């Protein structure tokens, strides 16, 4: 993305960073006390996030990069 100057790079990276922060937040109670409620909730919500992210962020990114790569 950076090589081809993808205009929404920062937004795309932020989406991934937020996902990882949510995972860290969900894991904390499980690691500290064995409470699995937040991690289970996170696991159940993850497939929905992935589908939404792929359809709304990754697909446009892939299209942009494919067009830029063809120009090379």
N, C-alpha and C. Protein backbone atom coordinates (compact mmCIF):
# COMPACT_ATOMS: atom_id res chain seq x y z
N UNK A 1 0.83 -1.19 0.00
CA UNK A 1 0.00 0.00 0.00
C UNK A 1 0.87 1.25 0.00
N UNK A 2 1.91 1.24 0.80
CA UNK A 2 2.78 2.41 0.83
C UNK A 2 3.56 2.57 -0.47
N UNK A 3 3.99 1.45 -1.05
CA UNK A 3 4.76 1.50 -2.30
C UNK A 3 3.96 2.20 -3.40
N UNK A 4 2.65 1.94 -3.44
CA UNK A 4 1.80 2.51 -4.48
C UNK A 4 0.99 3.71 -4.00
N UNK A 5 1.41 4.26 -2.87
CA UNK A 5 0.81 5.48 -2.33
C UNK A 5 -0.72 5.37 -2.23
N UNK A 6 -1.17 4.29 -1.62
CA UNK A 6 -2.61 4.07 -1.44
C UNK A 6 -3.19 5.20 -0.59
N UNK A 7 -4.18 5.94 -1.11
CA UNK A 7 -4.66 7.13 -0.41
C UNK A 7 -5.33 6.86 0.94
N UNK A 8 -5.86 5.67 1.14
CA UNK A 8 -6.54 5.36 2.41
C UNK A 8 -5.68 4.47 3.30
N UNK A 9 -4.38 4.53 3.10
CA UNK A 9 -3.48 3.67 3.89
C UNK A 9 -3.67 3.87 5.40
N UNK A 10 -3.69 5.11 5.84
CA UNK A 10 -3.81 5.38 7.28
C UNK A 10 -5.11 4.81 7.85
N UNK A 11 -6.20 4.98 7.12
CA UNK A 11 -7.49 4.45 7.58
C UNK A 11 -7.44 2.92 7.63
N UNK A 12 -6.85 2.31 6.62
CA UNK A 12 -6.77 0.85 6.57
C UNK A 12 -5.92 0.33 7.73
N UNK A 13 -4.78 0.95 7.94
CA UNK A 13 -3.91 0.53 9.05
C UNK A 13 -4.60 0.73 10.39
N UNK A 14 -5.32 1.83 10.54
CA UNK A 14 -6.03 2.10 11.79
C UNK A 14 -7.08 1.03 12.06
N UNK A 15 -7.77 0.57 11.02
CA UNK A 15 -8.77 -0.49 11.20
C UNK A 15 -8.12 -1.75 11.76
N UNK A 16 -6.96 -2.12 11.24
CA UNK A 16 -6.24 -3.29 11.74
C UNK A 16 -5.73 -3.05 13.16
N UNK A 17 -5.19 -1.88 13.41
CA UNK A 17 -4.69 -1.57 14.75
C UNK A 17 -5.81 -1.62 15.79
N UNK A 18 -6.98 -1.12 15.43
CA UNK A 18 -8.12 -1.14 16.35
C UNK A 18 -8.57 -2.57 16.62
N UNK A 19 -8.55 -3.40 15.60
CA UNK A 19 -8.89 -4.82 15.77
C UNK A 19 -7.94 -5.46 16.78
N UNK A 20 -6.65 -5.20 16.63
CA UNK A 20 -5.67 -5.77 17.55
C UNK A 20 -5.82 -5.23 18.97
N UNK A 21 -6.16 -3.96 19.10
CA UNK A 21 -6.41 -3.40 20.44
C UNK A 21 -7.64 -4.03 21.07
N UNK A 22 -8.68 -4.26 20.28
CA UNK A 22 -9.87 -4.93 20.79
C UNK A 22 -9.55 -6.34 21.25
N UNK A 23 -8.72 -7.02 20.50
CA UNK A 23 -8.31 -8.37 20.89
C UNK A 23 -7.54 -8.34 22.20
N UNK A 24 -6.62 -7.41 22.32
CA UNK A 24 -5.85 -7.27 23.56
C UNK A 24 -6.77 -6.98 24.75
N UNK A 25 -7.73 -6.08 24.55
CA UNK A 25 -8.70 -5.75 25.60
C UNK A 25 -9.51 -6.98 25.99
N UNK A 26 -9.92 -7.77 25.01
CA UNK A 26 -10.72 -8.96 25.29
C UNK A 26 -9.92 -10.04 26.00
N UNK A 27 -8.63 -10.11 25.72
CA UNK A 27 -7.79 -11.15 26.32
C UNK A 27 -7.38 -10.84 27.76
N UNK A 28 -7.36 -9.58 28.12
CA UNK A 28 -6.84 -9.19 29.43
C UNK A 28 -7.54 -9.91 30.58
N UNK A 29 -8.88 -9.89 30.69
CA UNK A 29 -9.53 -10.57 31.82
C UNK A 29 -9.29 -12.08 31.81
N UNK A 30 -9.20 -12.63 30.61
CA UNK A 30 -8.94 -14.07 30.49
C UNK A 30 -7.56 -14.41 31.03
N UNK A 31 -6.55 -13.61 30.66
CA UNK A 31 -5.19 -13.86 31.13
C UNK A 31 -5.04 -13.60 32.63
N UNK A 32 -5.74 -12.56 33.11
CA UNK A 32 -5.56 -12.17 34.51
C UNK A 32 -6.36 -13.03 35.49
N UNK A 33 -7.56 -13.43 35.10
CA UNK A 33 -8.40 -14.13 36.07
C UNK A 33 -9.11 -15.36 35.51
N UNK A 34 -8.90 -15.64 34.25
CA UNK A 34 -9.57 -16.78 33.64
C UNK A 34 -10.99 -16.48 33.17
N UNK A 35 -11.41 -15.22 33.30
CA UNK A 35 -12.75 -14.82 32.86
C UNK A 35 -12.75 -14.78 31.33
N UNK A 36 -13.58 -15.61 30.74
CA UNK A 36 -13.57 -15.77 29.29
C UNK A 36 -14.69 -15.03 28.57
N UNK A 37 -15.51 -14.26 29.28
CA UNK A 37 -16.67 -13.62 28.66
C UNK A 37 -16.27 -12.70 27.51
N UNK A 38 -15.29 -11.83 27.73
CA UNK A 38 -14.92 -10.86 26.69
C UNK A 38 -14.23 -11.53 25.51
N UNK A 39 -13.40 -12.52 25.76
CA UNK A 39 -12.72 -13.18 24.65
C UNK A 39 -13.71 -14.00 23.83
N UNK A 40 -14.68 -14.61 24.49
CA UNK A 40 -15.71 -15.36 23.75
C UNK A 40 -16.54 -14.41 22.91
N UNK A 41 -16.92 -13.28 23.46
CA UNK A 41 -17.67 -12.28 22.71
C UNK A 41 -16.86 -11.80 21.50
N UNK A 42 -15.59 -11.56 21.72
CA UNK A 42 -14.72 -11.12 20.63
C UNK A 42 -14.68 -12.18 19.53
N UNK A 43 -14.53 -13.43 19.92
CA UNK A 43 -14.45 -14.52 18.95
C UNK A 43 -15.74 -14.60 18.13
N UNK A 44 -16.88 -14.44 18.78
CA UNK A 44 -18.15 -14.50 18.05
C UNK A 44 -18.31 -13.33 17.08
N UNK A 45 -17.77 -12.17 17.42
CA UNK A 45 -17.92 -10.99 16.57
C UNK A 45 -16.88 -10.92 15.44
N UNK A 46 -15.80 -11.67 15.57
CA UNK A 46 -14.70 -11.59 14.61
C UNK A 46 -15.09 -11.95 13.18
N UNK A 47 -15.83 -13.03 12.93
CA UNK A 47 -16.18 -13.33 11.53
C UNK A 47 -16.94 -12.19 10.86
N UNK A 48 -17.85 -11.56 11.58
CA UNK A 48 -18.59 -10.43 11.02
C UNK A 48 -17.65 -9.29 10.67
N UNK A 49 -16.69 -9.00 11.56
CA UNK A 49 -15.72 -7.93 11.30
C UNK A 49 -14.90 -8.25 10.05
N UNK A 50 -14.46 -9.50 9.96
CA UNK A 50 -13.61 -9.90 8.83
C UNK A 50 -14.37 -9.74 7.51
N UNK A 51 -15.60 -10.22 7.46
CA UNK A 51 -16.39 -10.11 6.22
C UNK A 51 -16.60 -8.64 5.86
N UNK A 52 -16.99 -7.83 6.84
CA UNK A 52 -17.20 -6.42 6.59
C UNK A 52 -15.91 -5.74 6.13
N UNK A 53 -14.82 -6.04 6.79
CA UNK A 53 -13.54 -5.42 6.45
C UNK A 53 -13.09 -5.83 5.04
N UNK A 54 -13.19 -7.10 4.74
CA UNK A 54 -12.77 -7.57 3.41
C UNK A 54 -13.61 -6.89 2.33
N UNK A 55 -14.93 -6.84 2.54
CA UNK A 55 -15.82 -6.28 1.52
C UNK A 55 -15.70 -4.77 1.36
N UNK A 56 -15.47 -4.07 2.45
CA UNK A 56 -15.50 -2.60 2.39
C UNK A 56 -14.11 -1.95 2.35
N UNK A 57 -13.10 -2.67 2.80
CA UNK A 57 -11.76 -2.08 2.87
C UNK A 57 -10.75 -2.84 2.01
N UNK A 58 -10.68 -4.15 2.20
CA UNK A 58 -9.68 -4.93 1.45
C UNK A 58 -9.97 -5.00 -0.04
N UNK A 59 -11.22 -5.18 -0.42
CA UNK A 59 -11.56 -5.28 -1.85
C UNK A 59 -11.20 -4.00 -2.60
N UNK A 60 -11.62 -2.81 -2.12
CA UNK A 60 -11.19 -1.59 -2.81
C UNK A 60 -9.67 -1.41 -2.82
N UNK A 61 -9.03 -1.81 -1.74
CA UNK A 61 -7.56 -1.72 -1.68
C UNK A 61 -6.95 -2.61 -2.75
N UNK A 62 -7.44 -3.83 -2.86
CA UNK A 62 -6.92 -4.77 -3.85
C UNK A 62 -7.13 -4.24 -5.27
N UNK A 63 -8.28 -3.67 -5.53
CA UNK A 63 -8.55 -3.10 -6.86
C UNK A 63 -7.59 -1.97 -7.18
N UNK A 64 -7.37 -1.09 -6.21
CA UNK A 64 -6.45 0.03 -6.40
C UNK A 64 -5.04 -0.49 -6.68
N UNK A 65 -4.59 -1.42 -5.85
CA UNK A 65 -3.24 -1.94 -6.01
C UNK A 65 -3.07 -2.69 -7.32
N UNK A 66 -4.08 -3.44 -7.72
CA UNK A 66 -4.00 -4.17 -8.99
C UNK A 66 -3.86 -3.20 -10.16
N UNK A 67 -4.62 -2.12 -10.12
CA UNK A 67 -4.52 -1.14 -11.22
C UNK A 67 -3.16 -0.46 -11.23
N UNK A 68 -2.64 -0.15 -10.05
CA UNK A 68 -1.31 0.48 -9.97
C UNK A 68 -0.21 -0.47 -10.42
N UNK A 69 -0.34 -1.74 -10.07
CA UNK A 69 0.66 -2.73 -10.43
C UNK A 69 0.67 -2.96 -11.95
N UNK A 70 -0.49 -2.85 -12.58
CA UNK A 70 -0.55 -3.00 -14.04
C UNK A 70 0.16 -1.85 -14.74
N UNK A 71 0.17 -0.69 -14.10
CA UNK A 71 0.84 0.47 -14.68
C UNK A 71 2.36 0.32 -14.67
N UNK A 72 2.85 -0.51 -13.75
CA UNK A 72 4.31 -0.70 -13.63
C UNK A 72 4.89 -1.42 -14.80
